[in-house]
Amino acid sequence: YKKVTEKTKEPNDNLDKALNQIGWCYYNLSDFDNAISNWVKLNTPESNYWAGFSYFRKENYLKSIEYFRRIKDNFPKSSLVPDSILKTGDSYYNLKDFNNAMDCYKDVMNSFSDTKYERDALYGLSWCFSRLGKEEEAAETAKKFLKKFPKEEFSAEVQYKLAGYYYDNKNYKQAIEEYDKFIGNFSDSDLV
């Protein structure tokens, strides 16, 4: 693939494929800088997503936000839009910019309801509320999550967190009920 990129002067499908594949090779070697340098030469939803994700893996969250946002702005019909908005929210979360993270998660919830994207956005939103000290809102979001996604990824963790909220607020009767639900529904969880 490197030979194709060196010999080709004009953009074409083979060059694009070679740049993408070289990016993947470097990504799989965890050489994110070289992966990014190949993907940024392309301007596709996929190349922007994987450049953003590579920056995310490097913990360069400001750059990851830049690339994830390009997908929604430049490719609004791409199937990568919901995940790119989620990853933008996750990047803000990691920067401890919980309000912007919440805006992203709410955008996903409003635009992609009843999907795995809404599930992940509810999960992130609950954590943002917790980090902002808004435990009551975190608990309400956890209840909404469990109602819509009772047996999904993160459900055991959310159920346990909800029980802990009631315990911490000395609502022991409700805490017992939530811990019982946790034990009954997630007995195979590592948290039990």
C-alpha atoms as a PDB file:
ATOM      1  CA  TYR A   1       0.000   0.000   0.000  1.00  0.00           C
ATOM      2  CA  LYS A   2       2.837   2.402   0.744  1.00  0.00           C
ATOM      3  CA  LYS A   3       4.136   2.005  -2.814  1.00  0.00           C
ATOM      4  CA  VAL A   4       0.729   2.928  -4.215  1.00  0.00           C
ATOM      5  CA  THR A   5       0.611   6.099  -2.129  1.00  0.00           C
ATOM      6  CA  GLU A   6       4.134   7.094  -3.167  1.00  0.00           C
ATOM      7  CA  LYS A   7       3.546   6.523  -6.896  1.00  0.00           C
ATOM      8  CA  THR A   8       0.062   8.021  -7.146  1.00  0.00           C
ATOM      9  CA  LYS A   9      -0.109  11.773  -7.700  1.00  0.00           C
ATOM     10  CA  GLU A  10      -3.844  12.187  -8.330  1.00  0.00           C
ATOM     11  CA  PRO A  11      -6.536  11.024  -5.908  1.00  0.00           C
ATOM     12  CA  ASN A  12      -8.187   7.750  -6.891  1.00  0.00           C
ATOM     13  CA  ASP A  13      -9.902   4.772  -5.305  1.00  0.00           C
ATOM     14  CA  ASN A  14      -6.701   2.741  -5.023  1.00  0.00           C
ATOM     15  CA  LEU A  15      -4.900   5.567  -3.262  1.00  0.00           C
ATOM     16  CA  ASP A  16      -7.819   6.071  -0.877  1.00  0.00           C
ATOM     17  CA  LYS A  17      -7.964   2.351  -0.151  1.00  0.00           C
ATOM     18  CA  ALA A  18      -4.203   2.233   0.427  1.00  0.00           C
ATOM     19  CA  LEU A  19      -4.270   5.212   2.803  1.00  0.00           C
ATOM     20  CA  ASN A  20      -7.152   3.676   4.704  1.00  0.00           C
ATOM     21  CA  GLN A  21      -5.457   0.277   4.962  1.00  0.00           C
ATOM     22  CA  ILE A  22      -2.155   1.832   6.054  1.00  0.00           C
ATOM     23  CA  GLY A  23      -4.120   3.723   8.697  1.00  0.00           C
ATOM     24  CA  TRP A  24      -5.621   0.450   9.895  1.00  0.00           C
ATOM     25  CA  CYS A  25      -2.231  -1.248  10.007  1.00  0.00           C
ATOM     26  CA  TYR A  26      -0.817   1.516  12.171  1.00  0.00           C
ATOM     27  CA  TYR A  27      -3.954   1.582  14.322  1.00  0.00           C
ATOM     28  CA  ASN A  28      -3.686  -2.162  14.946  1.00  0.00           C
ATOM     29  CA  LEU A  29      -0.062  -1.608  15.969  1.00  0.00           C
ATOM     30  CA  SER A  30      -1.302   1.110  18.398  1.00  0.00           C
ATOM     31  CA  ASP A  31       0.730   3.635  16.409  1.00  0.00           C
ATOM     32  CA  PHE A  32      -2.035   6.216  16.475  1.00  0.00           C
ATOM     33  CA  ASP A  33       0.056   9.124  15.154  1.00  0.00           C
ATOM     34  CA  ASN A  34       0.820   7.307  11.897  1.00  0.00           C
ATOM     35  CA  ALA A  35      -2.741   6.009  11.654  1.00  0.00           C
ATOM     36  CA  ILE A  36      -4.024   9.568  11.973  1.00  0.00           C
ATOM     37  CA  SER A  37      -1.541  10.919   9.419  1.00  0.00           C
ATOM     38  CA  ASN A  38      -2.977   8.529   6.820  1.00  0.00           C
ATOM     39  CA  TRP A  39      -6.631   8.981   7.698  1.00  0.00           C
ATOM     40  CA  VAL A  40      -6.517  12.783   7.666  1.00  0.00           C
ATOM     41  CA  LYS A  41      -5.510  12.644   3.987  1.00  0.00           C
ATOM     42  CA  LEU A  42      -8.958  11.252   3.283  1.00  0.00           C
ATOM     43  CA  ASN A  43     -12.181  13.128   3.860  1.00  0.00           C
ATOM     44  CA  THR A  44     -14.753  10.454   4.526  1.00  0.00           C
ATOM     45  CA  PRO A  45     -16.986   9.836   7.518  1.00  0.00           C
ATOM     46  CA  GLU A  46     -14.943   6.733   8.322  1.00  0.00           C
ATOM     47  CA  SER A  47     -11.542   8.443   8.134  1.00  0.00           C
ATOM     48  CA  ASN A  48     -12.744  11.309  10.319  1.00  0.00           C
ATOM     49  CA  TYR A  49     -14.255   8.864  12.803  1.00  0.00           C
ATOM     50  CA  TRP A  50     -11.109   6.759  13.095  1.00  0.00           C
ATOM     51  CA  ALA A  51      -8.861   9.810  13.292  1.00  0.00           C
ATOM     52  CA  GLY A  52     -11.117  11.048  16.101  1.00  0.00           C
ATOM     53  CA  PHE A  53     -11.077   7.681  17.799  1.00  0.00           C
ATOM     54  CA  SER A  54      -7.285   7.515  17.521  1.00  0.00           C
ATOM     55  CA  TYR A  55      -7.013  10.923  19.163  1.00  0.00           C
ATOM     56  CA  PHE A  56      -9.417   9.653  21.829  1.00  0.00           C
ATOM     57  CA  ARG A  57      -7.162   6.643  22.448  1.00  0.00           C
ATOM     58  CA  LYS A  58      -4.213   9.051  22.758  1.00  0.00           C
ATOM     59  CA  GLU A  59      -6.289  10.998  25.311  1.00  0.00           C
ATOM     60  CA  ASN A  60      -6.136  14.098  23.121  1.00  0.00           C
ATOM     61  CA  TYR A  61      -9.792  14.831  23.666  1.00  0.00           C
ATOM     62  CA  LEU A  62      -9.853  18.297  22.088  1.00  0.00           C
ATOM     63  CA  LYS A  63      -8.615  16.858  18.785  1.00  0.00           C
ATOM     64  CA  SER A  64     -10.997  13.914  19.055  1.00  0.00           C
ATOM     65  CA  ILE A  65     -13.888  16.371  19.438  1.00  0.00           C
ATOM     66  CA  GLU A  66     -12.733  18.206  16.319  1.00  0.00           C
ATOM     67  CA  TYR A  67     -12.792  15.056  14.187  1.00  0.00           C
ATOM     68  CA  PHE A  68     -15.971  13.570  15.642  1.00  0.00           C
ATOM     69  CA  ARG A  69     -17.802  16.856  15.025  1.00  0.00           C
ATOM     70  CA  ARG A  70     -16.756  16.846  11.369  1.00  0.00           C
ATOM     71  CA  ILE A  71     -18.923  13.804  10.808  1.00  0.00           C
ATOM     72  CA  LYS A  72     -22.159  15.437  11.943  1.00  0.00           C
ATOM     73  CA  ASP A  73     -21.267  18.744  10.278  1.00  0.00           C
ATOM     74  CA  ASN A  74     -19.986  17.409   6.937  1.00  0.00           C
ATOM     75  CA  PHE A  75     -21.709  14.022   6.611  1.00  0.00           C
ATOM     76  CA  PRO A  76     -25.088  14.411   8.376  1.00  0.00           C
ATOM     77  CA  LYS A  77     -26.567  11.306   6.714  1.00  0.00           C
ATOM     78  CA  SER A  78     -23.682   9.017   7.717  1.00  0.00           C
ATOM     79  CA  SER A  79     -24.471   6.020   9.886  1.00  0.00           C
ATOM     80  CA  LEU A  80     -21.526   7.147  12.057  1.00  0.00           C
ATOM     81  CA  VAL A  81     -23.317  10.320  13.225  1.00  0.00           C
ATOM     82  CA  PRO A  82     -24.895   8.862  16.387  1.00  0.00           C
ATOM     83  CA  ASP A  83     -21.677   7.236  17.558  1.00  0.00           C
ATOM     84  CA  SER A  84     -19.627  10.325  16.714  1.00  0.00           C
ATOM     85  CA  ILE A  85     -21.950  12.485  18.848  1.00  0.00           C
ATOM     86  CA  LEU A  86     -21.612   9.960  21.696  1.00  0.00           C
ATOM     87  CA  LYS A  87     -17.817   9.989  21.383  1.00  0.00           C
ATOM     88  CA  THR A  88     -17.875  13.786  21.373  1.00  0.00           C
ATOM     89  CA  GLY A  89     -19.804  13.586  24.647  1.00  0.00           C
ATOM     90  CA  ASP A  90     -17.338  11.038  26.026  1.00  0.00           C
ATOM     91  CA  SER A  91     -14.461  13.331  25.067  1.00  0.00           C
ATOM     92  CA  TYR A  92     -16.059  16.249  26.895  1.00  0.00           C
ATOM     93  CA  TYR A  93     -16.702  13.954  29.866  1.00  0.00           C
ATOM     94  CA  ASN A  94     -13.019  13.013  29.997  1.00  0.00           C
ATOM     95  CA  LEU A  95     -12.163  16.727  29.911  1.00  0.00           C
ATOM     96  CA  LYS A  96     -14.511  17.112  32.906  1.00  0.00           C
ATOM     97  CA  ASP A  97     -16.694  19.424  30.808  1.00  0.00           C
ATOM     98  CA  PHE A  98     -19.846  17.707  31.988  1.00  0.00           C
ATOM     99  CA  ASN A  99     -22.292  20.326  30.689  1.00  0.00           C
ATOM    100  CA  ASN A 100     -21.095  19.973  27.089  1.00  0.00           C
ATOM    101  CA  ALA A 101     -21.021  16.192  27.527  1.00  0.00           C
ATOM    102  CA  MET A 102     -24.648  16.315  28.694  1.00  0.00           C
ATOM    103  CA  ASP A 103     -25.618  18.379  25.640  1.00  0.00           C
ATOM    104  CA  CYS A 104     -24.152  15.693  23.381  1.00  0.00           C
ATOM    105  CA  TYR A 105     -25.858  12.880  25.262  1.00  0.00           C
ATOM    106  CA  LYS A 106     -29.198  14.705  25.149  1.00  0.00           C
ATOM    107  CA  ASP A 107     -28.751  15.268  21.409  1.00  0.00           C
ATOM    108  CA  VAL A 108     -28.311  11.518  20.938  1.00  0.00           C
ATOM    109  CA  MET A 109     -31.306  10.724  23.141  1.00  0.00           C
ATOM    110  CA  ASN A 110     -33.529  13.116  21.189  1.00  0.00           C
ATOM    111  CA  SER A 111     -32.327  12.056  17.739  1.00  0.00           C
ATOM    112  CA  PHE A 112     -31.780   8.315  18.163  1.00  0.00           C
ATOM    113  CA  SER A 113     -34.294   7.109  20.747  1.00  0.00           C
ATOM    114  CA  ASP A 114     -34.865   3.419  21.374  1.00  0.00           C
ATOM    115  CA  THR A 115     -31.414   2.476  20.073  1.00  0.00           C
ATOM    116  CA  LYS A 116     -28.136   1.367  21.614  1.00  0.00           C
ATOM    117  CA  TYR A 117     -27.054   4.986  21.179  1.00  0.00           C
ATOM    118  CA  GLU A 118     -29.802   6.175  23.496  1.00  0.00           C
ATOM    119  CA  ARG A 119     -28.752   3.490  25.978  1.00  0.00           C
ATOM    120  CA  ASP A 120     -25.164   4.712  25.972  1.00  0.00           C
ATOM    121  CA  ALA A 121     -26.268   8.355  26.154  1.00  0.00           C
ATOM    122  CA  LEU A 122     -28.462   7.675  29.194  1.00  0.00           C
ATOM    123  CA  TYR A 123     -25.542   5.935  30.852  1.00  0.00           C
ATOM    124  CA  GLY A 124     -23.240   8.901  30.172  1.00  0.00           C
ATOM    125  CA  LEU A 125     -25.871  11.409  31.238  1.00  0.00           C
ATOM    126  CA  SER A 126     -26.323   9.645  34.567  1.00  0.00           C
ATOM    127  CA  TRP A 127     -22.589   9.841  35.229  1.00  0.00           C
ATOM    128  CA  CYS A 128     -22.519  13.540  34.289  1.00  0.00           C
ATOM    129  CA  PHE A 129     -25.270  14.282  36.798  1.00  0.00           C
ATOM    130  CA  SER A 130     -23.299  12.389  39.450  1.00  0.00           C
ATOM    131  CA  ARG A 131     -20.080  14.258  38.682  1.00  0.00           C
ATOM    132  CA  LEU A 132     -21.967  17.562  38.959  1.00  0.00           C
ATOM    133  CA  GLY A 133     -23.352  16.533  42.356  1.00  0.00           C
ATOM    134  CA  LYS A 134     -26.897  16.253  40.989  1.00  0.00           C
ATOM    135  CA  GLU A 135     -27.575  12.859  42.514  1.00  0.00           C
ATOM    136  CA  GLU A 136     -31.350  13.081  42.299  1.00  0.00           C
ATOM    137  CA  GLU A 137     -31.155  13.686  38.528  1.00  0.00           C
ATOM    138  CA  ALA A 138     -28.610  10.869  38.262  1.00  0.00           C
ATOM    139  CA  ALA A 139     -31.028   8.522  40.019  1.00  0.00           C
ATOM    140  CA  GLU A 140     -33.942   9.558  37.784  1.00  0.00           C
ATOM    141  CA  THR A 141     -31.785   8.979  34.709  1.00  0.00           C
ATOM    142  CA  ALA A 142     -30.744   5.571  36.083  1.00  0.00           C
ATOM    143  CA  LYS A 143     -34.416   4.630  36.564  1.00  0.00           C
ATOM    144  CA  LYS A 144     -35.189   5.684  32.990  1.00  0.00           C
ATOM    145  CA  PHE A 145     -32.223   3.640  31.770  1.00  0.00           C
ATOM    146  CA  LEU A 146     -33.366   0.526  33.649  1.00  0.00           C
ATOM    147  CA  LYS A 147     -36.954   0.914  32.478  1.00  0.00           C
ATOM    148  CA  LYS A 148     -35.938   1.152  28.810  1.00  0.00           C
ATOM    149  CA  PHE A 149     -32.913  -1.159  28.897  1.00  0.00           C
ATOM    150  CA  PRO A 150     -33.374  -3.614  31.788  1.00  0.00           C
ATOM    151  CA  LYS A 151     -30.992  -6.308  30.551  1.00  0.00           C
ATOM    152  CA  GLU A 152     -28.531  -4.366  28.423  1.00  0.00           C
ATOM    153  CA  GLU A 153     -24.859  -3.623  28.738  1.00  0.00           C
ATOM    154  CA  PHE A 154     -24.296  -1.450  31.824  1.00  0.00           C
ATOM    155  CA  SER A 155     -27.647  -2.442  33.403  1.00  0.00           C
ATOM    156  CA  ALA A 156     -26.032  -4.218  36.356  1.00  0.00           C
ATOM    157  CA  GLU A 157     -23.785  -1.252  37.059  1.00  0.00           C
ATOM    158  CA  VAL A 158     -26.674   1.200  36.782  1.00  0.00           C
ATOM    159  CA  GLN A 159     -28.860  -0.904  39.091  1.00  0.00           C
ATOM    160  CA  TYR A 160     -26.073  -1.100  41.669  1.00  0.00           C
ATOM    161  CA  LYS A 161     -25.425   2.635  41.426  1.00  0.00           C
ATOM    162  CA  LEU A 162     -29.141   3.347  41.907  1.00  0.00           C
ATOM    163  CA  ALA A 163     -29.245   1.178  45.039  1.00  0.00           C
ATOM    164  CA  GLY A 164     -26.195   3.021  46.352  1.00  0.00           C
ATOM    165  CA  TYR A 165     -27.909   6.359  45.753  1.00  0.00           C
ATOM    166  CA  TYR A 166     -30.813   5.338  47.984  1.00  0.00           C
ATOM    167  CA  TYR A 167     -28.468   3.944  50.612  1.00  0.00           C
ATOM    168  CA  ASP A 168     -26.375   7.137  50.681  1.00  0.00           C
ATOM    169  CA  ASN A 169     -29.541   9.185  51.096  1.00  0.00           C
ATOM    170  CA  LYS A 170     -30.690   7.015  53.999  1.00  0.00           C
ATOM    171  CA  ASN A 171     -33.721   5.741  52.108  1.00  0.00           C
ATOM    172  CA  TYR A 172     -32.935   2.238  53.322  1.00  0.00           C
ATOM    173  CA  LYS A 173     -36.245   0.668  52.367  1.00  0.00           C
ATOM    174  CA  GLN A 174     -35.785   1.708  48.738  1.00  0.00           C
ATOM    175  CA  ALA A 175     -32.090   0.736  48.886  1.00  0.00           C
ATOM    176  CA  ILE A 176     -33.049  -2.775  49.993  1.00  0.00           C
ATOM    177  CA  GLU A 177     -35.540  -3.017  47.136  1.00  0.00           C
ATOM    178  CA  GLU A 178     -32.946  -1.863  44.582  1.00  0.00           C
ATOM    179  CA  TYR A 179     -30.217  -4.151  45.968  1.00  0.00           C
ATOM    180  CA  ASP A 180     -32.699  -7.061  45.829  1.00  0.00           C
ATOM    181  CA  LYS A 181     -33.403  -6.225  42.172  1.00  0.00           C
ATOM    182  CA  PHE A 182     -29.665  -6.078  41.546  1.00  0.00           C
ATOM    183  CA  ILE A 183     -29.044  -9.482  43.150  1.00  0.00           C
ATOM    184  CA  GLY A 184     -32.091 -11.063  41.487  1.00  0.00           C
ATOM    185  CA  ASN A 185     -31.498  -9.677  38.003  1.00  0.00           C
ATOM    186  CA  PHE A 186     -27.715  -9.706  37.861  1.00  0.00           C
ATOM    187  CA  SER A 187     -26.555 -12.646  39.958  1.00  0.00           C
ATOM    188  CA  ASP A 188     -23.965 -13.478  37.298  1.00  0.00           C
ATOM    189  CA  SER A 189     -22.470  -9.954  37.380  1.00  0.00           C
ATOM    190  CA  ASP A 190     -18.942  -9.383  38.627  1.00  0.00           C
ATOM    191  CA  LEU A 191     -20.429  -6.747  40.929  1.00  0.00           C
ATOM    192  CA  VAL A 192     -22.330  -9.359  42.972  1.00  0.00           C
END
